[in-house]
Amino acid sequence: MSQKDPISTASKAGLDFAKVFYKTLDEKRHLLGNIYQEDSQVIWNGNPYVGKEAITKFYTSLPHSETNLLSVDAQPILSKFQEGRLTVLVICAGDVRLKGLQNAGFTENFVVTSEGSSWKVLRDTFRFHEPAP
């Protein structure tokens, strides 16, 4: 396997994952829990949510959203950190409109790992873009 193979695989996987994630977030939010593991962690604008149940409860409490994904980058993480499973860092940026609020830019980083034929989120960090002080 050439060095390009893991990078190409990660790039495709990252883009595919991001499309599914944001479509689910905007249209079928109650299903988001299916892509998290029992011990997954979300940090949303500095607020931590740990575990699939807490993450699902948090996401379903948010107002309706419309996400415009502007960029996705993905890089493979050494497989030795996840017992030989393909693990990818997915970096996303875009705009989101939460019902009743103005559009806001955001950045979201995921660490996802392969589990059978699907992806599971290990870590998810979201931050709205805000002016620097």
N, C-alpha and C. Protein backbone atom coordinates (compact mmCIF):
# COMPACT_ATOMS: atom_id res chain seq x y z
N MET A 1 0.85 -1.18 0.00
CA MET A 1 0.00 0.00 0.00
C MET A 1 0.89 1.24 0.00
N SER A 2 0.66 2.14 -0.90
CA SER A 2 1.45 3.37 -0.96
C SER A 2 0.99 4.31 0.15
N GLN A 3 1.82 5.32 0.41
CA GLN A 3 1.45 6.29 1.44
C GLN A 3 0.21 7.09 1.04
N LYS A 4 -0.06 7.18 -0.25
CA LYS A 4 -1.21 7.95 -0.71
C LYS A 4 -2.53 7.24 -0.38
N ASP A 5 -2.52 5.92 -0.32
CA ASP A 5 -3.77 5.18 -0.09
C ASP A 5 -4.48 5.58 1.21
N PRO A 6 -3.79 5.62 2.37
CA PRO A 6 -4.50 6.02 3.58
C PRO A 6 -5.01 7.46 3.51
N ILE A 7 -4.28 8.31 2.84
CA ILE A 7 -4.69 9.71 2.72
C ILE A 7 -5.92 9.82 1.83
N SER A 8 -5.91 9.13 0.70
CA SER A 8 -7.08 9.15 -0.20
C SER A 8 -8.30 8.54 0.48
N THR A 9 -8.08 7.44 1.19
CA THR A 9 -9.17 6.78 1.91
C THR A 9 -9.75 7.72 2.96
N ALA A 10 -8.87 8.38 3.72
CA ALA A 10 -9.32 9.32 4.75
C ALA A 10 -10.07 10.49 4.15
N SER A 11 -9.58 11.02 3.04
CA SER A 11 -10.24 12.16 2.39
C SER A 11 -11.65 11.82 1.95
N LYS A 12 -11.80 10.68 1.31
CA LYS A 12 -13.13 10.26 0.85
C LYS A 12 -14.04 9.96 2.04
N ALA A 13 -13.51 9.25 3.02
CA ALA A 13 -14.30 8.90 4.20
C ALA A 13 -14.74 10.16 4.95
N GLY A 14 -13.83 11.13 5.08
CA GLY A 14 -14.15 12.36 5.79
C GLY A 14 -15.26 13.14 5.11
N LEU A 15 -15.18 13.26 3.79
CA LEU A 15 -16.21 13.98 3.04
C LEU A 15 -17.55 13.25 3.13
N ASP A 16 -17.53 11.94 2.95
CA ASP A 16 -18.77 11.15 3.05
C ASP A 16 -19.38 11.28 4.44
N PHE A 17 -18.54 11.18 5.47
CA PHE A 17 -19.02 11.29 6.85
C PHE A 17 -19.66 12.66 7.08
N ALA A 18 -18.97 13.73 6.67
CA ALA A 18 -19.47 15.09 6.91
C ALA A 18 -20.83 15.30 6.25
N LYS A 19 -20.98 14.83 5.02
CA LYS A 19 -22.27 14.98 4.33
C LYS A 19 -23.39 14.28 5.09
N VAL A 20 -23.13 13.06 5.55
CA VAL A 20 -24.14 12.31 6.30
C VAL A 20 -24.43 12.99 7.64
N PHE A 21 -23.38 13.42 8.34
CA PHE A 21 -23.56 14.03 9.65
C PHE A 21 -24.47 15.26 9.56
N TYR A 22 -24.14 16.19 8.68
CA TYR A 22 -24.89 17.45 8.63
C TYR A 22 -26.30 17.26 8.06
N LYS A 23 -26.47 16.32 7.16
CA LYS A 23 -27.82 16.02 6.66
C LYS A 23 -28.67 15.45 7.80
N THR A 24 -28.07 14.56 8.59
CA THR A 24 -28.78 13.99 9.74
C THR A 24 -29.06 15.06 10.78
N LEU A 25 -28.09 15.92 11.04
CA LEU A 25 -28.28 17.02 12.01
C LEU A 25 -29.46 17.90 11.60
N ASP A 26 -29.53 18.24 10.34
CA ASP A 26 -30.57 19.16 9.87
C ASP A 26 -31.93 18.49 9.67
N GLU A 27 -31.95 17.21 9.32
CA GLU A 27 -33.22 16.58 8.92
C GLU A 27 -33.72 15.46 9.84
N LYS A 28 -32.80 14.76 10.51
CA LYS A 28 -33.20 13.61 11.33
C LYS A 28 -32.37 13.56 12.61
N ARG A 29 -32.35 14.67 13.29
CA ARG A 29 -31.46 14.84 14.44
C ARG A 29 -31.59 13.73 15.48
N HIS A 30 -32.78 13.20 15.66
CA HIS A 30 -33.01 12.16 16.66
C HIS A 30 -32.18 10.90 16.37
N LEU A 31 -31.66 10.76 15.16
CA LEU A 31 -30.85 9.59 14.80
C LEU A 31 -29.35 9.79 15.02
N LEU A 32 -28.93 11.01 15.41
CA LEU A 32 -27.50 11.28 15.56
C LEU A 32 -26.82 10.36 16.57
N GLY A 33 -27.53 9.97 17.60
CA GLY A 33 -26.94 9.09 18.61
C GLY A 33 -26.36 7.82 18.03
N ASN A 34 -26.88 7.39 16.89
CA ASN A 34 -26.41 6.15 16.27
C ASN A 34 -24.96 6.22 15.80
N ILE A 35 -24.43 7.42 15.61
CA ILE A 35 -23.05 7.51 15.11
C ILE A 35 -22.04 7.78 16.22
N TYR A 36 -22.51 7.84 17.46
CA TYR A 36 -21.61 8.03 18.60
C TYR A 36 -21.47 6.73 19.37
N GLN A 37 -20.31 6.57 20.03
CA GLN A 37 -20.09 5.41 20.90
C GLN A 37 -20.57 5.75 22.30
N GLU A 38 -20.67 4.73 23.13
CA GLU A 38 -21.15 4.94 24.51
C GLU A 38 -20.28 5.93 25.28
N ASP A 39 -18.97 5.98 24.98
CA ASP A 39 -18.06 6.86 25.71
C ASP A 39 -17.59 8.05 24.88
N SER A 40 -18.30 8.36 23.81
CA SER A 40 -17.94 9.51 22.97
C SER A 40 -18.07 10.81 23.76
N GLN A 41 -17.36 11.83 23.27
CA GLN A 41 -17.41 13.14 23.92
C GLN A 41 -17.64 14.22 22.87
N VAL A 42 -18.57 15.13 23.17
CA VAL A 42 -18.80 16.32 22.36
C VAL A 42 -18.46 17.53 23.22
N ILE A 43 -17.72 18.46 22.65
CA ILE A 43 -17.52 19.76 23.30
C ILE A 43 -18.11 20.78 22.34
N TRP A 44 -19.20 21.40 22.75
CA TRP A 44 -19.94 22.32 21.89
C TRP A 44 -19.81 23.71 22.48
N ASN A 45 -19.02 24.55 21.83
CA ASN A 45 -18.74 25.90 22.32
C ASN A 45 -18.26 25.88 23.77
N GLY A 46 -17.41 24.93 24.10
CA GLY A 46 -16.83 24.84 25.43
C GLY A 46 -17.64 24.04 26.43
N ASN A 47 -18.82 23.57 26.06
CA ASN A 47 -19.67 22.80 26.97
C ASN A 47 -19.55 21.31 26.66
N PRO A 48 -19.10 20.51 27.65
CA PRO A 48 -18.89 19.08 27.40
C PRO A 48 -20.16 18.25 27.58
N TYR A 49 -20.29 17.25 26.71
CA TYR A 49 -21.35 16.24 26.79
C TYR A 49 -20.67 14.90 26.58
N VAL A 50 -20.81 14.01 27.56
CA VAL A 50 -20.11 12.74 27.51
C VAL A 50 -21.12 11.60 27.48
N GLY A 51 -20.92 10.69 26.55
CA GLY A 51 -21.78 9.52 26.42
C GLY A 51 -22.88 9.73 25.40
N LYS A 52 -23.21 8.64 24.75
CA LYS A 52 -24.20 8.65 23.67
C LYS A 52 -25.53 9.27 24.11
N GLU A 53 -26.01 8.92 25.30
CA GLU A 53 -27.31 9.41 25.78
C GLU A 53 -27.29 10.93 25.98
N ALA A 54 -26.24 11.44 26.64
CA ALA A 54 -26.14 12.88 26.88
C ALA A 54 -25.98 13.65 25.57
N ILE A 55 -25.23 13.09 24.64
CA ILE A 55 -25.02 13.73 23.34
C ILE A 55 -26.33 13.80 22.56
N THR A 56 -27.06 12.70 22.53
CA THR A 56 -28.35 12.67 21.83
C THR A 56 -29.31 13.68 22.45
N LYS A 57 -29.38 13.71 23.77
CA LYS A 57 -30.26 14.66 24.46
C LYS A 57 -29.88 16.10 24.12
N PHE A 58 -28.58 16.39 24.10
CA PHE A 58 -28.14 17.74 23.76
C PHE A 58 -28.54 18.13 22.34
N TYR A 59 -28.19 17.29 21.37
CA TYR A 59 -28.49 17.63 19.98
C TYR A 59 -29.99 17.76 19.73
N THR A 60 -30.79 16.92 20.34
CA THR A 60 -32.24 17.02 20.11
C THR A 60 -32.84 18.25 20.80
N SER A 61 -32.11 18.86 21.74
CA SER A 61 -32.60 20.06 22.41
C SER A 61 -32.33 21.33 21.60
N LEU A 62 -31.47 21.26 20.60
CA LEU A 62 -31.15 22.43 19.79
C LEU A 62 -32.32 22.78 18.87
N PRO A 63 -32.46 24.08 18.55
CA PRO A 63 -33.49 24.44 17.57
C PRO A 63 -33.15 23.88 16.19
N HIS A 64 -34.15 23.83 15.32
CA HIS A 64 -33.94 23.35 13.94
C HIS A 64 -32.76 24.09 13.32
N SER A 65 -31.98 23.39 12.51
CA SER A 65 -30.79 23.99 11.89
C SER A 65 -30.80 23.79 10.38
N GLU A 66 -30.13 24.72 9.71
CA GLU A 66 -29.83 24.60 8.29
C GLU A 66 -28.34 24.85 8.14
N THR A 67 -27.61 23.82 7.74
CA THR A 67 -26.15 23.89 7.67
C THR A 67 -25.68 24.00 6.23
N ASN A 68 -24.75 24.91 6.01
CA ASN A 68 -24.10 25.06 4.72
C ASN A 68 -22.62 24.71 4.92
N LEU A 69 -22.25 23.52 4.53
CA LEU A 69 -20.88 23.04 4.70
C LEU A 69 -20.01 23.66 3.62
N LEU A 70 -18.96 24.38 4.02
CA LEU A 70 -18.10 25.09 3.07
C LEU A 70 -16.79 24.37 2.79
N SER A 71 -16.25 23.68 3.78
CA SER A 71 -15.00 22.95 3.53
C SER A 71 -14.88 21.76 4.46
N VAL A 72 -14.21 20.73 3.95
CA VAL A 72 -13.94 19.51 4.72
C VAL A 72 -12.51 19.10 4.43
N ASP A 73 -11.76 18.80 5.46
CA ASP A 73 -10.43 18.22 5.31
C ASP A 73 -10.40 16.98 6.19
N ALA A 74 -9.69 15.98 5.78
CA ALA A 74 -9.61 14.75 6.57
C ALA A 74 -8.20 14.18 6.47
N GLN A 75 -7.70 13.71 7.59
CA GLN A 75 -6.36 13.13 7.66
C GLN A 75 -6.42 11.82 8.44
N PRO A 76 -5.70 10.81 7.99
CA PRO A 76 -5.68 9.56 8.76
C PRO A 76 -4.90 9.73 10.06
N ILE A 77 -5.33 9.02 11.08
CA ILE A 77 -4.63 8.95 12.36
C ILE A 77 -4.01 7.57 12.43
N LEU A 78 -2.83 7.47 13.00
CA LEU A 78 -2.16 6.17 13.07
C LEU A 78 -3.08 5.11 13.65
N SER A 79 -3.19 3.99 12.97
CA SER A 79 -4.12 2.93 13.38
C SER A 79 -3.76 2.31 14.72
N LYS A 80 -2.52 2.44 15.15
CA LYS A 80 -2.13 1.84 16.43
C LYS A 80 -2.89 2.45 17.61
N PHE A 81 -3.45 3.65 17.42
CA PHE A 81 -4.20 4.28 18.50
C PHE A 81 -5.61 3.73 18.65
N GLN A 82 -6.10 3.01 17.65
CA GLN A 82 -7.45 2.44 17.71
C GLN A 82 -7.44 0.96 17.33
N GLU A 83 -6.46 0.24 17.84
CA GLU A 83 -6.40 -1.22 17.65
C GLU A 83 -6.51 -1.63 16.19
N GLY A 84 -5.80 -0.91 15.32
CA GLY A 84 -5.75 -1.29 13.92
C GLY A 84 -6.91 -0.82 13.07
N ARG A 85 -7.91 -0.17 13.66
CA ARG A 85 -9.05 0.32 12.88
C ARG A 85 -8.69 1.65 12.21
N LEU A 86 -9.23 1.87 11.02
CA LEU A 86 -9.03 3.14 10.34
C LEU A 86 -9.66 4.25 11.18
N THR A 87 -8.87 5.25 11.52
CA THR A 87 -9.34 6.38 12.32
C THR A 87 -8.95 7.65 11.59
N VAL A 88 -9.87 8.60 11.54
CA VAL A 88 -9.70 9.79 10.71
C VAL A 88 -10.05 11.04 11.51
N LEU A 89 -9.23 12.08 11.35
CA LEU A 89 -9.55 13.41 11.85
C LEU A 89 -10.27 14.14 10.72
N VAL A 90 -11.49 14.59 10.98
CA VAL A 90 -12.31 15.29 9.98
C VAL A 90 -12.51 16.73 10.47
N ILE A 91 -12.08 17.70 9.67
CA ILE A 91 -12.17 19.11 10.03
C ILE A 91 -13.16 19.77 9.07
N CYS A 92 -14.21 20.35 9.64
CA CYS A 92 -15.29 20.94 8.83
C CYS A 92 -15.45 22.42 9.18
N ALA A 93 -15.85 23.20 8.19
CA ALA A 93 -16.17 24.60 8.40
C ALA A 93 -17.38 24.95 7.55
N GLY A 94 -18.18 25.87 8.05
CA GLY A 94 -19.35 26.27 7.30
C GLY A 94 -20.14 27.33 8.03
N ASP A 95 -21.38 27.47 7.60
CA ASP A 95 -22.34 28.38 8.23
C ASP A 95 -23.54 27.57 8.67
N VAL A 96 -24.11 27.98 9.79
CA VAL A 96 -25.31 27.30 10.26
C VAL A 96 -26.32 28.36 10.70
N ARG A 97 -27.57 28.09 10.42
CA ARG A 97 -28.65 28.94 10.92
C ARG A 97 -29.50 28.08 11.84
N LEU A 98 -29.51 28.47 13.11
CA LEU A 98 -30.39 27.84 14.07
C LEU A 98 -31.68 28.64 14.09
N LYS A 99 -32.81 27.96 14.14
CA LYS A 99 -34.12 28.62 14.06
C LYS A 99 -34.18 29.81 15.02
N GLY A 100 -34.54 30.96 14.45
CA GLY A 100 -34.68 32.16 15.26
C GLY A 100 -33.40 32.96 15.42
N LEU A 101 -32.29 32.47 14.89
CA LEU A 101 -31.01 33.16 15.03
C LEU A 101 -30.43 33.46 13.66
N GLN A 102 -29.46 34.37 13.62
CA GLN A 102 -28.77 34.70 12.37
C GLN A 102 -27.80 33.58 12.00
N ASN A 103 -27.40 33.57 10.72
CA ASN A 103 -26.35 32.64 10.29
C ASN A 103 -25.10 32.88 11.12
N ALA A 104 -24.39 31.82 11.41
CA ALA A 104 -23.13 31.93 12.15
C ALA A 104 -22.12 30.97 11.54
N GLY A 105 -20.89 31.44 11.39
CA GLY A 105 -19.82 30.56 10.94
C GLY A 105 -19.43 29.61 12.05
N PHE A 106 -18.95 28.44 11.67
CA PHE A 106 -18.52 27.46 12.66
C PHE A 106 -17.36 26.63 12.13
N THR A 107 -16.66 26.02 13.05
CA THR A 107 -15.67 24.99 12.76
C THR A 107 -16.01 23.81 13.65
N GLU A 108 -15.93 22.60 13.08
CA GLU A 108 -16.20 21.39 13.86
C GLU A 108 -15.17 20.34 13.48
N ASN A 109 -14.58 19.74 14.50
CA ASN A 109 -13.57 18.69 14.30
C ASN A 109 -14.09 17.39 14.88
N PHE A 110 -13.94 16.33 14.12
CA PHE A 110 -14.35 15.00 14.56
C PHE A 110 -13.16 14.07 14.52
N VAL A 111 -13.10 13.15 15.46
CA VAL A 111 -12.24 11.97 15.35
C VAL A 111 -13.22 10.82 15.20
N VAL A 112 -13.16 10.17 14.03
CA VAL A 112 -14.08 9.06 13.74
C VAL A 112 -13.27 7.80 13.48
N THR A 113 -13.85 6.67 13.83
CA THR A 113 -13.18 5.39 13.62
C THR A 113 -14.14 4.41 12.95
N SER A 114 -13.56 3.53 12.17
CA SER A 114 -14.40 2.55 11.46
C SER A 114 -14.89 1.50 12.45
N GLU A 115 -16.15 1.13 12.28
CA GLU A 115 -16.75 0.06 13.09
C GLU A 115 -17.63 -0.73 12.13
N GLY A 116 -17.09 -1.84 11.66
CA GLY A 116 -17.80 -2.59 10.62
C GLY A 116 -17.81 -1.75 9.35
N SER A 117 -18.99 -1.54 8.80
CA SER A 117 -19.10 -0.76 7.57
C SER A 117 -19.53 0.69 7.84
N SER A 118 -19.52 1.10 9.10
CA SER A 118 -19.95 2.46 9.42
C SER A 118 -18.86 3.20 10.19
N TRP A 119 -19.11 4.48 10.44
CA TRP A 119 -18.20 5.33 11.19
C TRP A 119 -18.82 5.67 12.53
N LYS A 120 -17.99 5.68 13.57
CA LYS A 120 -18.43 6.08 14.90
C LYS A 120 -17.58 7.26 15.34
N VAL A 121 -18.23 8.25 15.94
CA VAL A 121 -17.53 9.43 16.43
C VAL A 121 -16.96 9.14 17.81
N LEU A 122 -15.66 9.37 17.95
CA LEU A 122 -15.01 9.27 19.26
C LEU A 122 -15.05 10.63 19.96
N ARG A 123 -14.67 11.67 19.22
CA ARG A 123 -14.63 13.04 19.74
C ARG A 123 -15.22 13.99 18.70
N ASP A 124 -15.90 15.01 19.19
CA ASP A 124 -16.56 16.00 18.33
C ASP A 124 -16.43 17.34 19.05
N THR A 125 -15.76 18.29 18.41
CA THR A 125 -15.55 19.61 19.00
C THR A 125 -16.10 20.67 18.05
N PHE A 126 -17.08 21.42 18.53
CA PHE A 126 -17.75 22.44 17.72
C PHE A 126 -17.48 23.81 18.33
N ARG A 127 -17.25 24.80 17.45
CA ARG A 127 -17.07 26.17 17.94
C ARG A 127 -17.62 27.16 16.91
N PHE A 128 -18.47 28.09 17.39
CA PHE A 128 -18.90 29.19 16.53
C PHE A 128 -17.71 30.11 16.30
N HIS A 129 -17.62 30.70 15.12
CA HIS A 129 -16.59 31.70 14.84
C HIS A 129 -16.99 32.99 15.53
N GLU A 130 -16.09 33.52 16.30
CA GLU A 130 -16.33 34.78 17.00
C GLU A 130 -15.13 35.68 16.78
N PRO A 131 -15.34 36.99 16.77
CA PRO A 131 -14.20 37.90 16.59
C PRO A 131 -13.17 37.71 17.70
N ALA A 132 -11.90 37.81 17.33
CA ALA A 132 -10.84 37.73 18.33
C ALA A 132 -10.88 38.97 19.21
N PRO A 133 -10.55 38.82 20.48
CA PRO A 133 -10.59 40.00 21.39
C PRO A 133 -9.55 41.02 21.02
